[in-house]
Amino acid sequence: MFGNMNMGDLGKMLEGMQEQAQKVQEELASKEFTVKTGGGMVKVTMNGNGEAIDVDVDDSLLEDKESLQILLIAAINDANKMVEDNKKNSAMGMFGGANPFAQS
């Protein structure tokens, strides 16, 4: 695979990939993903790093702890899935559409 490549070329290639990976990481961090559950009664927003940055809860749920917990868990899990899917899609884009996660 690297037979015709000298160490300088390999270093440049790796440096370019590292820069591209850093750029993708920065783009991911700037994205926001919002999920609503319970007909919009709970809304969770996460950034591309998977950090919760906003939670909005309808006042009517404040008296129903069990429902609030269920809806929060569902919203957090859905938002995490969106973040992970976006990371995988970004990584595949970085590798030119080849799936680096595929198992042979």
C-alpha atoms as a PDB file:
ATOM      1  CA  MET A   1       0.000   0.000   0.000  1.00  0.00           C
ATOM      2  CA  PHE A   2       2.789   2.434   0.918  1.00  0.00           C
ATOM      3  CA  GLY A   3       5.505   0.800  -1.223  1.00  0.00           C
ATOM      4  CA  ASN A   4       6.067   3.736  -3.587  1.00  0.00           C
ATOM      5  CA  MET A   5       5.763   6.407  -0.915  1.00  0.00           C
ATOM      6  CA  ASN A   6       8.710   7.913   0.941  1.00  0.00           C
ATOM      7  CA  MET A   7       8.504   8.888   4.603  1.00  0.00           C
ATOM      8  CA  GLY A   8       8.153  12.591   3.769  1.00  0.00           C
ATOM      9  CA  ASP A   9       5.112  11.928   1.581  1.00  0.00           C
ATOM     10  CA  LEU A  10       3.619   9.684   4.237  1.00  0.00           C
ATOM     11  CA  GLY A  11       4.174  12.378   6.875  1.00  0.00           C
ATOM     12  CA  LYS A  12       2.478  14.988   4.690  1.00  0.00           C
ATOM     13  CA  MET A  13      -0.452  12.655   4.064  1.00  0.00           C
ATOM     14  CA  LEU A  14      -0.861  11.953   7.781  1.00  0.00           C
ATOM     15  CA  GLU A  15      -0.583  15.649   8.599  1.00  0.00           C
ATOM     16  CA  GLY A  16      -3.305  16.436   6.057  1.00  0.00           C
ATOM     17  CA  MET A  17      -5.560  13.773   7.519  1.00  0.00           C
ATOM     18  CA  GLN A  18      -4.938  15.139  11.011  1.00  0.00           C
ATOM     19  CA  GLU A  19      -5.880  18.653   9.904  1.00  0.00           C
ATOM     20  CA  GLN A  20      -9.012  17.337   8.203  1.00  0.00           C
ATOM     21  CA  ALA A  21      -9.971  15.372  11.330  1.00  0.00           C
ATOM     22  CA  GLN A  22      -9.519  18.510  13.461  1.00  0.00           C
ATOM     23  CA  LYS A  23     -11.726  20.485  11.077  1.00  0.00           C
ATOM     24  CA  VAL A  24     -14.441  17.803  11.213  1.00  0.00           C
ATOM     25  CA  GLN A  25     -14.229  17.805  15.040  1.00  0.00           C
ATOM     26  CA  GLU A  26     -14.726  21.593  15.128  1.00  0.00           C
ATOM     27  CA  GLU A  27     -17.670  21.372  12.725  1.00  0.00           C
ATOM     28  CA  LEU A  28     -19.280  18.662  14.864  1.00  0.00           C
ATOM     29  CA  ALA A  29     -18.921  20.732  18.025  1.00  0.00           C
ATOM     30  CA  SER A  30     -20.691  23.683  16.415  1.00  0.00           C
ATOM     31  CA  LYS A  31     -23.771  21.672  15.370  1.00  0.00           C
ATOM     32  CA  GLU A  32     -26.908  21.453  17.492  1.00  0.00           C
ATOM     33  CA  PHE A  33     -29.439  18.629  17.593  1.00  0.00           C
ATOM     34  CA  THR A  34     -32.881  19.150  19.127  1.00  0.00           C
ATOM     35  CA  VAL A  35     -35.331  16.385  19.986  1.00  0.00           C
ATOM     36  CA  LYS A  36     -38.904  16.754  21.251  1.00  0.00           C
ATOM     37  CA  THR A  37     -40.829  14.037  23.079  1.00  0.00           C
ATOM     38  CA  GLY A  38     -44.279  13.815  24.573  1.00  0.00           C
ATOM     39  CA  GLY A  39     -45.802  15.922  21.836  1.00  0.00           C
ATOM     40  CA  GLY A  40     -43.257  18.661  22.469  1.00  0.00           C
ATOM     41  CA  MET A  41     -43.639  18.646  26.242  1.00  0.00           C
ATOM     42  CA  VAL A  42     -39.917  17.892  26.653  1.00  0.00           C
ATOM     43  CA  LYS A  43     -37.227  19.305  24.393  1.00  0.00           C
ATOM     44  CA  VAL A  44     -33.515  18.459  24.662  1.00  0.00           C
ATOM     45  CA  THR A  45     -30.781  20.144  22.637  1.00  0.00           C
ATOM     46  CA  MET A  46     -27.256  18.704  22.365  1.00  0.00           C
ATOM     47  CA  ASN A  47     -24.171  19.908  20.594  1.00  0.00           C
ATOM     48  CA  GLY A  48     -22.192  17.725  18.217  1.00  0.00           C
ATOM     49  CA  ASN A  49     -19.979  16.530  21.058  1.00  0.00           C
ATOM     50  CA  GLY A  50     -22.981  14.963  22.766  1.00  0.00           C
ATOM     51  CA  GLU A  51     -23.204  17.555  25.530  1.00  0.00           C
ATOM     52  CA  ALA A  52     -26.668  18.671  26.622  1.00  0.00           C
ATOM     53  CA  ILE A  53     -26.873  22.423  26.127  1.00  0.00           C
ATOM     54  CA  ASP A  54     -30.579  23.049  26.720  1.00  0.00           C
ATOM     55  CA  VAL A  55     -33.558  21.302  28.273  1.00  0.00           C
ATOM     56  CA  ASP A  56     -37.088  22.670  28.113  1.00  0.00           C
ATOM     57  CA  VAL A  57     -39.888  21.048  30.124  1.00  0.00           C
ATOM     58  CA  ASP A  58     -43.571  21.932  29.932  1.00  0.00           C
ATOM     59  CA  ASP A  59     -44.791  23.173  33.321  1.00  0.00           C
ATOM     60  CA  SER A  60     -47.572  20.568  33.387  1.00  0.00           C
ATOM     61  CA  LEU A  61     -44.963  17.813  33.751  1.00  0.00           C
ATOM     62  CA  LEU A  62     -43.520  19.266  36.943  1.00  0.00           C
ATOM     63  CA  GLU A  63     -46.234  17.528  38.939  1.00  0.00           C
ATOM     64  CA  ASP A  64     -45.802  14.157  37.176  1.00  0.00           C
ATOM     65  CA  LYS A  65     -42.293  13.013  38.027  1.00  0.00           C
ATOM     66  CA  GLU A  66     -42.590   9.555  36.427  1.00  0.00           C
ATOM     67  CA  SER A  67     -43.758  10.900  33.053  1.00  0.00           C
ATOM     68  CA  LEU A  68     -41.085  13.594  33.142  1.00  0.00           C
ATOM     69  CA  GLN A  69     -38.376  11.012  33.752  1.00  0.00           C
ATOM     70  CA  ILE A  70     -39.596   8.776  30.916  1.00  0.00           C
ATOM     71  CA  LEU A  71     -39.804  11.666  28.448  1.00  0.00           C
ATOM     72  CA  LEU A  72     -36.384  13.024  29.443  1.00  0.00           C
ATOM     73  CA  ILE A  73     -34.750   9.626  29.018  1.00  0.00           C
ATOM     74  CA  ALA A  74     -36.379   9.192  25.598  1.00  0.00           C
ATOM     75  CA  ALA A  75     -35.315  12.666  24.446  1.00  0.00           C
ATOM     76  CA  ILE A  76     -31.730  12.248  25.677  1.00  0.00           C
ATOM     77  CA  ASN A  77     -31.396   8.839  24.016  1.00  0.00           C
ATOM     78  CA  ASP A  78     -32.833  10.130  20.723  1.00  0.00           C
ATOM     79  CA  ALA A  79     -30.543  13.164  20.758  1.00  0.00           C
ATOM     80  CA  ASN A  80     -27.503  10.968  21.499  1.00  0.00           C
ATOM     81  CA  LYS A  81     -28.395   8.743  18.555  1.00  0.00           C
ATOM     82  CA  MET A  82     -28.611  11.785  16.279  1.00  0.00           C
ATOM     83  CA  VAL A  83     -25.182  12.973  17.464  1.00  0.00           C
ATOM     84  CA  GLU A  84     -23.592   9.535  16.944  1.00  0.00           C
ATOM     85  CA  ASP A  85     -25.148   9.127  13.489  1.00  0.00           C
ATOM     86  CA  ASN A  86     -23.824  12.554  12.533  1.00  0.00           C
ATOM     87  CA  LYS A  87     -20.321  11.648  13.760  1.00  0.00           C
ATOM     88  CA  LYS A  88     -20.332   8.441  11.703  1.00  0.00           C
ATOM     89  CA  ASN A  89     -21.572  10.271   8.596  1.00  0.00           C
ATOM     90  CA  SER A  90     -18.910  12.948   9.030  1.00  0.00           C
ATOM     91  CA  ALA A  91     -16.190  10.328   9.439  1.00  0.00           C
ATOM     92  CA  MET A  92     -17.359   8.483   6.319  1.00  0.00           C
ATOM     93  CA  GLY A  93     -17.324  11.786   4.423  1.00  0.00           C
ATOM     94  CA  MET A  94     -13.761  12.392   5.571  1.00  0.00           C
ATOM     95  CA  PHE A  95     -12.723   9.028   4.114  1.00  0.00           C
ATOM     96  CA  GLY A  96     -14.363   9.772   0.775  1.00  0.00           C
ATOM     97  CA  GLY A  97     -17.446   7.666   1.379  1.00  0.00           C
ATOM     98  CA  ALA A  98     -15.530   4.511   2.347  1.00  0.00           C
ATOM     99  CA  ASN A  99     -16.888   3.140   5.581  1.00  0.00           C
ATOM    100  CA  PRO A 100     -13.978   2.892   8.065  1.00  0.00           C
ATOM    101  CA  PHE A 101     -16.318   1.159  10.538  1.00  0.00           C
ATOM    102  CA  ALA A 102     -17.214  -1.699   8.196  1.00  0.00           C
ATOM    103  CA  GLN A 103     -16.014  -5.095   9.267  1.00  0.00           C
ATOM    104  CA  SER A 104     -14.409  -7.343   6.693  1.00  0.00           C
END
